[in-house]
Amino acid sequence: MIIMSLKFTTTYHKEGKWYVAYCPDLGVTSQGKTLEEAQKNIQEAVELYLEDVPKKELARFAETPFVKTIEVSKV
């Protein structure tokens, strides 16, 4: 059995009392009452999502995404 390590980008923001976690690479979203809970939940949600991805398609996720933050000034 070949084990592949995959890396995904996740973002977090607070909405009211909840921390919302989002994986833009896959379009997977989760949440938690704490940041730690949101991190745990998005990890689980991504793992569950990947269970349904055919093994031959997993290779496209092997590349580490390039992420850059930009700053925009609002007038």
C-alpha atoms as a PDB file:
ATOM      1  CA  MET A   1       0.000   0.000   0.000  1.00  0.00           C
ATOM      2  CA  ILE A   2       1.342   3.450  -0.952  1.00  0.00           C
ATOM      3  CA  ILE A   3       0.737   6.229   1.555  1.00  0.00           C
ATOM      4  CA  MET A   4       0.634   9.695   0.053  1.00  0.00           C
ATOM      5  CA  SER A   5       1.072  12.857   2.085  1.00  0.00           C
ATOM      6  CA  LEU A   6      -1.214  15.638   0.913  1.00  0.00           C
ATOM      7  CA  LYS A   7      -1.137  19.290   1.975  1.00  0.00           C
ATOM      8  CA  PHE A   8      -4.058  21.674   1.763  1.00  0.00           C
ATOM      9  CA  THR A   9      -4.608  25.322   2.539  1.00  0.00           C
ATOM     10  CA  THR A  10      -7.129  26.147   5.256  1.00  0.00           C
ATOM     11  CA  THR A  11      -8.431  29.518   6.362  1.00  0.00           C
ATOM     12  CA  TYR A  12     -10.246  30.480   9.540  1.00  0.00           C
ATOM     13  CA  HIS A  13     -12.449  33.386  10.507  1.00  0.00           C
ATOM     14  CA  LYS A  14     -14.911  34.080  13.276  1.00  0.00           C
ATOM     15  CA  GLU A  15     -18.653  34.413  12.614  1.00  0.00           C
ATOM     16  CA  GLY A  16     -20.469  35.319  15.789  1.00  0.00           C
ATOM     17  CA  LYS A  17     -19.601  32.658  18.364  1.00  0.00           C
ATOM     18  CA  TRP A  18     -18.231  30.181  15.787  1.00  0.00           C
ATOM     19  CA  TYR A  19     -14.886  29.766  14.068  1.00  0.00           C
ATOM     20  CA  VAL A  20     -15.427  28.843  10.431  1.00  0.00           C
ATOM     21  CA  ALA A  21     -12.777  26.736   8.716  1.00  0.00           C
ATOM     22  CA  TYR A  22     -12.519  26.551   4.939  1.00  0.00           C
ATOM     23  CA  CYS A  23     -10.307  24.512   2.619  1.00  0.00           C
ATOM     24  CA  PRO A  24     -10.389  26.395  -0.711  1.00  0.00           C
ATOM     25  CA  ASP A  25      -8.414  23.654  -2.459  1.00  0.00           C
ATOM     26  CA  LEU A  26     -11.363  21.279  -2.059  1.00  0.00           C
ATOM     27  CA  GLY A  27     -14.297  23.581  -1.266  1.00  0.00           C
ATOM     28  CA  VAL A  28     -14.743  21.927   2.146  1.00  0.00           C
ATOM     29  CA  THR A  29     -16.073  23.957   5.083  1.00  0.00           C
ATOM     30  CA  SER A  30     -16.463  23.170   8.775  1.00  0.00           C
ATOM     31  CA  GLN A  31     -16.762  25.038  12.063  1.00  0.00           C
ATOM     32  CA  GLY A  32     -16.111  24.871  15.779  1.00  0.00           C
ATOM     33  CA  LYS A  33     -16.774  26.812  18.963  1.00  0.00           C
ATOM     34  CA  THR A  34     -13.012  27.283  19.403  1.00  0.00           C
ATOM     35  CA  LEU A  35     -10.220  27.664  16.870  1.00  0.00           C
ATOM     36  CA  GLU A  36      -8.804  24.324  17.984  1.00  0.00           C
ATOM     37  CA  GLU A  37     -12.170  22.629  17.476  1.00  0.00           C
ATOM     38  CA  ALA A  38     -12.515  24.211  14.022  1.00  0.00           C
ATOM     39  CA  GLN A  39      -9.030  22.946  13.094  1.00  0.00           C
ATOM     40  CA  LYS A  40      -9.889  19.433  14.266  1.00  0.00           C
ATOM     41  CA  ASN A  41     -13.216  19.505  12.436  1.00  0.00           C
ATOM     42  CA  ILE A  42     -11.778  20.715   9.107  1.00  0.00           C
ATOM     43  CA  GLN A  43      -9.123  17.990   9.295  1.00  0.00           C
ATOM     44  CA  GLU A  44     -11.863  15.395   9.756  1.00  0.00           C
ATOM     45  CA  ALA A  45     -14.038  16.935   7.023  1.00  0.00           C
ATOM     46  CA  VAL A  46     -11.147  16.880   4.523  1.00  0.00           C
ATOM     47  CA  GLU A  47     -10.320  13.275   5.390  1.00  0.00           C
ATOM     48  CA  LEU A  48     -13.970  12.284   4.883  1.00  0.00           C
ATOM     49  CA  TYR A  49     -14.103  14.192   1.587  1.00  0.00           C
ATOM     50  CA  LEU A  50     -10.986  12.416   0.331  1.00  0.00           C
ATOM     51  CA  GLU A  51     -12.481   8.994   1.098  1.00  0.00           C
ATOM     52  CA  ASP A  52     -14.785   9.501  -1.898  1.00  0.00           C
ATOM     53  CA  VAL A  53     -12.086  10.752  -4.288  1.00  0.00           C
ATOM     54  CA  PRO A  54     -10.906   7.997  -6.652  1.00  0.00           C
ATOM     55  CA  LYS A  55      -7.291   7.019  -5.902  1.00  0.00           C
ATOM     56  CA  LYS A  56      -6.136   7.902  -9.427  1.00  0.00           C
ATOM     57  CA  GLU A  57      -7.266  11.511  -8.848  1.00  0.00           C
ATOM     58  CA  LEU A  58      -5.400  11.938  -5.549  1.00  0.00           C
ATOM     59  CA  ALA A  59      -2.116  12.661  -7.348  1.00  0.00           C
ATOM     60  CA  ARG A  60      -3.395  16.081  -8.416  1.00  0.00           C
ATOM     61  CA  PHE A  61      -3.487  17.062  -4.737  1.00  0.00           C
ATOM     62  CA  ALA A  62       0.163  16.091  -4.121  1.00  0.00           C
ATOM     63  CA  GLU A  63       1.499  19.521  -5.148  1.00  0.00           C
ATOM     64  CA  THR A  64       1.710  22.056  -2.326  1.00  0.00           C
ATOM     65  CA  PRO A  65      -0.446  25.073  -3.223  1.00  0.00           C
ATOM     66  CA  PHE A  66       1.108  28.518  -3.530  1.00  0.00           C
ATOM     67  CA  VAL A  67      -0.573  30.984  -1.187  1.00  0.00           C
ATOM     68  CA  LYS A  68      -0.027  34.738  -1.098  1.00  0.00           C
ATOM     69  CA  THR A  69      -1.867  37.317   0.962  1.00  0.00           C
ATOM     70  CA  ILE A  70      -2.581  40.656  -0.654  1.00  0.00           C
ATOM     71  CA  GLU A  71      -3.535  43.945   0.949  1.00  0.00           C
ATOM     72  CA  VAL A  72      -6.143  46.211  -0.616  1.00  0.00           C
ATOM     73  CA  SER A  73      -6.800  49.780   0.477  1.00  0.00           C
ATOM     74  CA  LYS A  74     -10.407  50.854   0.542  1.00  0.00           C
ATOM     75  CA  VAL A  75     -11.226  54.482  -0.105  1.00  0.00           C
END
